[in-house]
Structures are given as C-alpha cells and as structure tokens.
C-alpha cells in the first residue's frame, strides 16, 4: 500500500493527475488512502491463495461482481491509465481496464508476481518490476525498482569502532518466529558479541509476551529494547550493523540502506515470493537466507554470532546490498504511467 501511495502522490503532485484508488473494505487502504488525501472506491474481492475452500469459493463468486463494479467505476471516472499494485482489488480493476481497453501498468515488487499480476501480466500495456527475472511475466516490463524514501538512500555506511547493533524487524505485525526464538538466545548472543545492542520490533499482538520473555532471559536490559512499532526506520537502519528480517517489501529498503541481512522468508507468503526475494539477495552476496523450518535457537544464535563478529564481511555484504538498489523508482514509474496516458 505504501508504494501505491508514493506513486499516487508523484502523479498528483508532480504531474497534476487526478488520482483515485480502488480497494476493498477489508484492506489497510481504508485507513491509509483517506489519510493521504485520495478518494477511495470499494469493490467486492477477496483471497484465492492460501485460504480454505469456503473463502476461495466466496471469492470466485464475488469476482464477476467485482469486475462489474470496476467497469462501472472506470466508465464514470474515465481514467487515461490504470495502475495495478497487487492486492485484493487489483485483479478486478485490471481486468476491467483491459476489457475497456484502458492503458494499464502493473507494478510488481517481488521476484515472482502475485496471482493478480500473473493473470493479467501478458495483457497489460506495460509493467514496472523490481527484479530482472520478473520481466518474463509481463508485456513491456521495465526494471524500475521499488519506491523507497530518499532518507533511506542517504544512509551512510556504519563508521568503524562503534558498538555493533542488531535490528530485528518484520513489518507491522512482527514475526512469531523472531518473537519466540530471540528471547531464548539473547543472553548468550550479547555475551558472544562484545558491546552488542538489540532493537527488536515485535508487533502489537505479541508485544507484552515478547518483552516479558526478553526480561526473563537474564539479558542486560540496557542492551536490548522491544517495541511494537519502529517509527523512524531511516534512523533504525542507519544505526544497525545487521538486520534480521522477513523478505517481502523490506528487501528494497535493505538495498537502499546498504544493510547486510539475515533473511527468514515467511513460509506462508503467497506463491512463496518471499523465498524468491531472499534467494536473489543471497545469490548476490547481500544477505544470508535461513528458511523458517530451519530456525532453531542454536542455528539462529550461530548465524547471528558469526555475522556480527565479522565486521569486514558485514561491510562487504552491505556494499553488495546497495548494489541492488534502484534509486528514482517512483519517478520512473510515474513517467511510465504518464507515457501510457498520453
């Protein structure tokens, strides 16, 4: 949703476009889109992947209605271009645009497209992707990168001689595997890595139990912190020597910040796209990938200790991560949209 808002702002503020969003009542867009000053239209749509038979059947029944709703919206609004960013509403909106012969741009940040983008990939007018290997799924695909705040690109490499820091982050909901495993190893990890401090983002649902588990571990409380959210991510990345993270949209920020990482893909991610993202970073030497099934306290302790104690290797991984970054993505994507509209 955040890249979609970045694209919308760029089109509105730099190109004077009249931008309207299409979403569903269950999505986070119901909060973020109005807060950003954009109108939001709601349609019927739902999940098809990684859901039960009842949910899948309901989604299939809703799909024709969602497409009809989008056809009506497009006929009323008469857009010159439609941008699909994935998500529940993207499929019906993009299908409607193709039916009405409205120029379409698919935005795909992952190495393997989601279901909606795969279904419309060969029918769209163009696509903006983050990985070169993703271009094969689309017509007229361009590797643009992912919209990332300039402050993250501006982060300087960590200076020598400062105490090391580990950042643990997994999006707004946190990651149960991190919340349950880190307290089991935090005392030993702090003992193995002199001067280490840990900033752990746990999400709201598991905040109290994760914080209590850290406190019960016996680890020095002055050397760790556990929070539900981390509001200033540029500052958090700047202060980190290593990031333990999932491998969804976070990988674009890790590249922009030039940060080495230990990536644990979310095993239930649609189409296993997080593993594909992590594989790209691991193959480039920018990250180490550990599958969630392989995460044990001893294995995680060993990998984190090895990485944190080898500062030259971390610096090399960070440089390789930055080599995967693509600045100026939002400007390029907006120019593609404007080109289609013309």
Protein backbone atom coordinates (compact mmCIF):
# COMPACT_ATOMS: atom_id res chain seq x y z
CA UNK A 1 0.00 0.00 0.00
CA UNK A 2 2.82 2.44 0.77
CA UNK A 3 4.41 2.16 -2.73
CA UNK A 4 0.95 2.68 -4.22
CA UNK A 5 0.57 5.88 -2.21
CA UNK A 6 4.04 7.03 -3.27
CA UNK A 7 3.11 6.52 -6.93
CA UNK A 8 -0.20 8.31 -6.40
CA UNK A 9 1.50 11.29 -4.73
CA UNK A 10 4.08 11.53 -7.52
CA UNK A 11 1.37 11.52 -10.19
CA UNK A 12 -0.73 14.07 -8.29
CA UNK A 13 1.99 16.43 -7.10
CA UNK A 14 4.45 16.37 -9.99
CA UNK A 15 2.17 15.66 -12.95
CA UNK A 16 -1.11 17.19 -11.78
CA UNK A 17 -3.01 13.93 -12.18
CA UNK A 18 -6.45 13.30 -10.76
CA UNK A 19 -5.86 10.04 -8.85
CA UNK A 20 -8.47 7.69 -7.47
CA UNK A 21 -7.83 4.45 -5.55
CA UNK A 22 -9.83 1.23 -5.72
CA UNK A 23 -9.71 -1.14 -2.74
CA UNK A 24 -11.73 -3.46 -0.54
CA UNK A 25 -13.38 -2.95 2.82
CA UNK A 26 -11.02 -5.47 4.46
CA UNK A 27 -7.77 -3.82 3.32
CA UNK A 28 -5.49 -1.38 5.11
CA UNK A 29 -6.23 1.09 2.30
CA UNK A 30 -9.45 2.07 4.10
CA UNK A 31 -7.24 3.89 6.62
CA UNK A 32 -4.15 4.91 4.65
CA UNK A 33 -5.75 6.21 1.44
CA UNK A 34 -8.14 8.75 3.02
CA UNK A 35 -5.38 9.89 5.40
CA UNK A 36 -3.25 10.67 2.32
CA UNK A 37 -6.00 12.80 0.79
CA UNK A 38 -7.09 10.46 -2.02
CA UNK A 39 -10.64 9.32 -2.79
CA UNK A 40 -11.19 5.58 -2.33
CA UNK A 41 -13.74 3.39 -4.10
CA UNK A 42 -14.56 -0.01 -2.55
CA UNK A 43 -15.33 -3.16 -4.54
CA UNK A 44 -16.02 -6.82 -3.72
CA UNK A 45 -12.98 -9.07 -3.89
CA UNK A 46 -11.04 -11.49 -1.71
CA UNK A 47 -8.26 -14.06 -1.44
CA UNK A 48 -7.72 -17.08 -3.66
CA UNK A 49 -4.29 -18.22 -2.45
CA UNK A 50 -3.51 -19.92 0.88
CA UNK A 51 -7.14 -19.90 2.03
CA UNK A 52 -9.76 -22.52 2.75
CA UNK A 53 -12.27 -23.86 0.25
CA UNK A 54 -15.13 -21.72 1.61
CA UNK A 55 -13.16 -18.47 1.29
CA UNK A 56 -11.96 -19.42 -2.18
CA UNK A 57 -15.49 -20.22 -3.33
CA UNK A 58 -16.78 -16.92 -1.94
CA UNK A 59 -14.01 -15.04 -3.75
CA UNK A 60 -14.78 -16.77 -7.05
CA UNK A 61 -18.46 -15.88 -6.66
CA UNK A 62 -17.55 -12.26 -5.86
CA UNK A 63 -15.11 -11.91 -8.77
CA UNK A 64 -17.65 -11.21 -11.56
CA UNK A 65 -19.37 -8.67 -9.30
CA UNK A 66 -16.03 -7.02 -8.52
CA UNK A 67 -15.21 -6.76 -12.23
CA UNK A 68 -18.65 -5.28 -12.98
CA UNK A 69 -18.18 -2.74 -10.17
CA UNK A 70 -14.79 -1.77 -11.60
CA UNK A 71 -16.20 -1.46 -15.12
CA UNK A 72 -18.83 0.94 -13.77
CA UNK A 73 -16.20 2.93 -11.85
CA UNK A 74 -13.94 3.20 -14.89
CA UNK A 75 -16.80 4.33 -17.12
CA UNK A 76 -17.70 7.02 -14.58
CA UNK A 77 -14.16 8.20 -13.84
CA UNK A 78 -12.82 7.68 -17.40
CA UNK A 79 -9.13 7.33 -16.43
CA UNK A 80 -6.40 7.60 -19.03
CA UNK A 81 -4.42 4.84 -17.30
CA UNK A 82 -4.92 2.23 -14.57
CA UNK A 83 -2.11 1.06 -12.29
CA UNK A 84 -2.35 -2.34 -10.60
CA UNK A 85 -0.25 -2.80 -7.46
CA UNK A 86 -1.44 -6.27 -6.42
CA UNK A 87 -3.85 -6.86 -3.58
CA UNK A 88 -7.46 -7.97 -3.49
CA UNK A 89 -8.88 -5.21 -5.70
CA UNK A 90 -6.10 -5.18 -8.28
CA UNK A 91 -7.34 -8.19 -10.24
CA UNK A 92 -10.90 -6.95 -10.88
CA UNK A 93 -9.71 -3.40 -11.61
CA UNK A 94 -7.05 -4.51 -14.08
CA UNK A 95 -9.40 -6.99 -15.80
CA UNK A 96 -11.98 -4.22 -16.15
CA UNK A 97 -9.37 -1.87 -17.60
CA UNK A 98 -8.26 -4.50 -20.13
CA UNK A 99 -11.88 -5.13 -21.14
CA UNK A 100 -12.43 -1.39 -21.66
CA UNK A 101 -9.08 -1.00 -23.43
CA UNK A 102 -7.78 1.49 -20.90
CA UNK A 103 -3.94 1.54 -20.81
CA UNK A 104 -2.66 -0.47 -17.85
CA UNK A 105 0.55 -0.60 -15.84
CA UNK A 106 1.27 -3.50 -13.48
CA UNK A 107 3.58 -2.74 -10.55
CA UNK A 108 5.34 -5.82 -9.15
CA UNK A 109 7.90 -5.52 -6.32
CA UNK A 110 8.55 -9.25 -5.86
CA UNK A 111 10.71 -11.68 -7.78
CA UNK A 112 7.62 -13.78 -8.53
CA UNK A 113 4.37 -11.90 -9.23
CA UNK A 114 1.27 -12.39 -7.15
CA UNK A 115 -1.76 -14.13 -8.60
CA UNK A 116 -3.49 -10.97 -9.83
CA UNK A 117 -0.43 -9.75 -11.72
CA UNK A 118 0.28 -13.20 -13.16
CA UNK A 119 -3.24 -13.43 -14.53
CA UNK A 120 -3.10 -10.05 -16.27
CA UNK A 121 0.65 -9.97 -16.94
CA UNK A 122 0.55 -10.67 -20.67
CA UNK A 123 -2.47 -8.42 -21.20
CA UNK A 124 -1.24 -5.22 -19.55
CA UNK A 125 0.20 -2.36 -21.56
CA UNK A 126 3.42 -2.25 -19.50
CA UNK A 127 4.89 -3.29 -16.16
CA UNK A 128 7.25 -1.80 -13.58
CA UNK A 129 9.23 -4.50 -11.74
CA UNK A 130 11.96 -4.73 -9.13
CA UNK A 131 13.89 -7.78 -10.38
CA UNK A 132 15.20 -8.50 -13.86
CA UNK A 133 13.91 -12.08 -13.77
CA UNK A 134 10.36 -10.80 -13.21
CA UNK A 135 10.18 -9.19 -16.65
CA UNK A 136 9.32 -12.53 -18.28
CA UNK A 137 5.87 -12.50 -16.68
CA UNK A 138 4.76 -9.24 -18.36
CA UNK A 139 4.50 -7.37 -21.61
CA UNK A 140 6.78 -4.31 -21.96
CA UNK A 141 8.29 -4.72 -18.50
CA UNK A 142 10.88 -2.24 -17.21
CA UNK A 143 13.09 -2.76 -14.17
CA UNK A 144 12.30 0.41 -12.22
CA UNK A 145 12.86 -0.69 -8.63
CA UNK A 146 10.58 -0.04 -5.67
CA UNK A 147 9.64 3.41 -4.30
CA UNK A 148 11.79 3.94 -1.20
CA UNK A 149 12.15 7.16 0.80
CA UNK A 150 15.20 9.22 -0.13
CA UNK A 151 16.27 9.35 3.54
CA UNK A 152 16.98 5.62 3.37
CA UNK A 153 19.13 6.02 0.26
CA UNK A 154 21.05 8.77 2.07
CA UNK A 155 22.16 6.49 4.94
CA UNK A 156 25.95 6.41 5.24
CA UNK A 157 27.92 3.21 5.96
CA UNK A 158 28.44 2.48 9.64
CA UNK A 159 31.70 4.02 10.92
CA UNK A 160 34.41 1.78 12.32
CA UNK A 161 34.81 1.47 16.08
CA UNK A 162 31.17 1.97 17.09
CA UNK A 163 29.46 -0.77 19.15
CA UNK A 164 27.54 -3.23 16.96
CA UNK A 165 23.75 -3.25 16.75
CA UNK A 166 21.28 -5.87 15.56
CA UNK A 167 17.90 -4.72 14.23
CA UNK A 168 15.08 -7.27 14.25
CA UNK A 169 12.07 -6.23 12.20
CA UNK A 170 9.18 -7.95 10.46
CA UNK A 171 6.61 -5.36 9.44
CA UNK A 172 3.71 -4.04 11.45
CA UNK A 173 2.65 -7.43 12.83
CA UNK A 174 6.09 -8.67 13.82
CA UNK A 175 7.11 -12.31 13.29
CA UNK A 176 6.26 -15.06 15.75
CA UNK A 177 9.42 -16.97 14.88
CA UNK A 178 11.57 -13.96 15.88
CA UNK A 179 9.46 -13.14 18.94
CA UNK A 180 9.72 -16.70 20.27
CA UNK A 181 13.33 -17.50 19.33
CA UNK A 182 15.21 -14.28 20.12
CA UNK A 183 14.45 -14.33 23.88
CA UNK A 184 15.89 -17.85 24.03
CA UNK A 185 19.27 -16.71 22.69
CA UNK A 186 19.55 -13.04 23.64
CA UNK A 187 21.64 -13.55 26.78
CA UNK A 188 24.18 -15.74 25.00
CA UNK A 189 24.23 -13.53 21.91
CA UNK A 190 25.03 -10.45 24.00
CA UNK A 191 27.78 -12.42 25.75
CA UNK A 192 29.31 -13.64 22.47
CA UNK A 193 29.32 -10.22 20.74
CA UNK A 194 31.01 -7.53 22.89
CA UNK A 195 29.11 -4.25 23.06
CA UNK A 196 26.16 -5.55 21.04
CA UNK A 197 22.76 -3.90 21.43
CA UNK A 198 19.49 -5.25 20.02
CA UNK A 199 16.41 -3.39 18.81
CA UNK A 200 13.51 -5.80 18.34
CA UNK A 201 10.20 -4.91 16.68
CA UNK A 202 7.58 -7.39 17.90
CA UNK A 203 4.24 -6.06 16.59
CA UNK A 204 1.25 -5.24 18.77
CA UNK A 205 -0.21 -8.69 19.28
CA UNK A 206 2.89 -10.25 20.83
CA UNK A 207 4.49 -7.17 22.34
CA UNK A 208 3.91 -7.86 26.02
CA UNK A 209 4.79 -11.55 25.94
CA UNK A 210 7.92 -10.91 23.85
CA UNK A 211 9.05 -8.11 26.14
CA UNK A 212 8.41 -10.33 29.18
CA UNK A 213 10.39 -13.18 27.62
CA UNK A 214 13.34 -10.86 26.97
CA UNK A 215 13.16 -9.64 30.57
CA UNK A 216 13.04 -13.22 31.89
CA UNK A 217 16.08 -14.23 29.82
CA UNK A 218 18.52 -12.58 32.22
CA UNK A 219 20.00 -10.42 29.44
CA UNK A 220 21.16 -6.92 30.45
CA UNK A 221 18.05 -4.72 29.86
CA UNK A 222 20.28 -1.77 28.97
CA UNK A 223 21.39 -3.65 25.85
CA UNK A 224 18.02 -4.55 24.32
CA UNK A 225 14.67 -2.94 23.59
CA UNK A 226 11.39 -4.44 22.40
CA UNK A 227 8.74 -2.25 20.77
CA UNK A 228 5.52 -2.82 18.85
CA UNK A 229 6.50 -0.43 16.06
CA UNK A 230 9.62 1.40 14.96
CA UNK A 231 8.51 4.79 13.71
CA UNK A 232 11.78 6.21 12.35
CA UNK A 233 13.04 3.46 10.07
CA UNK A 234 15.77 5.57 8.39
CA UNK A 235 17.33 6.16 11.82
CA UNK A 236 16.94 2.49 12.76
CA UNK A 237 18.62 1.31 9.58
CA UNK A 238 21.39 3.88 9.99
CA UNK A 239 22.21 2.58 13.49
CA UNK A 240 22.16 -1.13 12.53
CA UNK A 241 25.11 -3.30 11.51
CA UNK A 242 22.91 -6.29 10.68
CA UNK A 243 19.17 -6.70 10.12
CA UNK A 244 17.21 -9.86 10.91
CA UNK A 245 14.07 -9.61 8.79
CA UNK A 246 11.45 -11.18 6.60
CA UNK A 247 11.94 -10.80 2.86
CA UNK A 248 8.87 -9.08 1.50
CA UNK A 249 8.96 -5.40 0.55
CA UNK A 250 11.61 -4.88 3.25
CA UNK A 251 14.32 -6.08 0.85
CA UNK A 252 14.03 -2.90 -1.21
CA UNK A 253 14.72 -0.80 1.89
CA UNK A 254 17.66 -3.03 2.86
CA UNK A 255 19.15 -2.47 -0.58
CA UNK A 256 18.57 1.28 -0.45
CA UNK A 257 20.15 1.48 3.01
CA UNK A 258 23.04 -0.78 2.05
CA UNK A 259 22.38 -3.07 5.01
CA UNK A 260 23.51 -6.70 5.32
CA UNK A 261 20.76 -9.02 6.49
CA UNK A 262 19.79 -12.45 7.68
CA UNK A 263 16.52 -13.11 5.87
CA UNK A 264 13.90 -15.60 7.05
CA UNK A 265 11.15 -15.76 4.41
CA UNK A 266 7.57 -16.01 5.63
CA UNK A 267 6.76 -19.61 4.77
CA UNK A 268 3.07 -18.94 4.07
CA UNK A 269 3.63 -15.99 1.74
CA UNK A 270 1.60 -16.22 -1.46
CA UNK A 271 3.47 -18.10 -4.20
CA UNK A 272 6.47 -18.36 -1.86
CA UNK A 273 7.52 -14.94 -3.15
CA UNK A 274 9.48 -14.08 -0.01
CA UNK A 275 11.79 -17.04 -0.53
CA UNK A 276 12.35 -15.98 -4.15
CA UNK A 277 13.21 -12.44 -3.00
CA UNK A 278 15.64 -13.76 -0.39
CA UNK A 279 17.29 -16.05 -2.92
CA UNK A 280 18.08 -13.09 -5.15
CA UNK A 281 19.77 -11.24 -2.26
CA UNK A 282 21.61 -14.35 -1.06
CA UNK A 283 22.87 -15.11 -4.57
CA UNK A 284 24.22 -11.55 -4.81
CA UNK A 285 26.08 -11.92 -1.51
CA UNK A 286 23.92 -9.21 0.06
CA UNK A 287 22.20 -11.46 2.59
CA UNK A 288 22.13 -14.87 4.21
CA UNK A 289 18.87 -16.78 3.87
CA UNK A 290 17.55 -19.17 6.52
CA UNK A 291 14.29 -21.00 5.88
CA UNK A 292 11.81 -20.77 8.73
CA UNK A 293 11.74 -24.56 9.04
CA UNK A 294 15.48 -24.42 9.81
CA UNK A 295 15.23 -21.77 12.53
CA UNK A 296 16.22 -23.21 15.88
CA UNK A 297 17.72 -21.31 18.81
CA UNK A 298 21.15 -22.84 18.22
CA UNK A 299 21.12 -22.26 14.46
CA UNK A 300 19.96 -18.67 14.78
CA UNK A 301 22.48 -17.97 17.53
CA UNK A 302 25.27 -19.39 15.41
CA UNK A 303 24.41 -17.39 12.27
CA UNK A 304 23.89 -14.10 14.11
CA UNK A 305 27.12 -14.51 16.12
CA UNK A 306 29.14 -15.41 13.04
CA UNK A 307 27.87 -12.43 11.08
CA UNK A 308 28.10 -9.85 13.87
CA UNK A 309 31.67 -10.83 14.77
CA UNK A 310 32.88 -10.38 11.19
CA UNK A 311 32.60 -6.63 10.59
CA UNK A 312 34.57 -6.67 7.28
CA UNK A 313 32.18 -9.32 5.90
CA UNK A 314 29.20 -7.23 7.00
CA UNK A 315 30.61 -4.20 5.21
CA UNK A 316 31.06 -6.24 2.04
CA UNK A 317 27.50 -7.60 2.27
CA UNK A 318 26.21 -4.06 2.79
CA UNK A 319 28.01 -2.84 -0.31
CA UNK A 320 26.52 -5.69 -2.34
CA UNK A 321 23.06 -4.88 -0.97
CA UNK A 322 23.44 -1.27 -2.06
CA UNK A 323 24.42 -2.55 -5.48
CA UNK A 324 20.91 -3.98 -5.80
CA UNK A 325 19.25 -0.64 -5.05
CA UNK A 326 17.47 1.32 -7.76
CA UNK A 327 17.01 4.99 -6.78
CA UNK A 328 14.46 7.15 -8.56
CA UNK A 329 11.91 4.33 -8.87
CA UNK A 330 8.81 6.38 -8.16
CA UNK A 331 9.80 8.99 -10.74
CA UNK A 332 10.36 6.32 -13.39
CA UNK A 333 7.08 4.57 -12.61
CA UNK A 334 5.13 7.83 -12.77
CA UNK A 335 6.75 8.69 -16.11
CA UNK A 336 5.66 5.30 -17.44
CA UNK A 337 2.08 5.98 -16.34
CA UNK A 338 2.10 9.43 -17.92
CA UNK A 339 3.51 7.94 -21.12
CA UNK A 340 0.67 5.42 -21.25
CA UNK A 341 -1.91 8.12 -20.57
CA UNK A 342 -0.64 10.17 -23.46
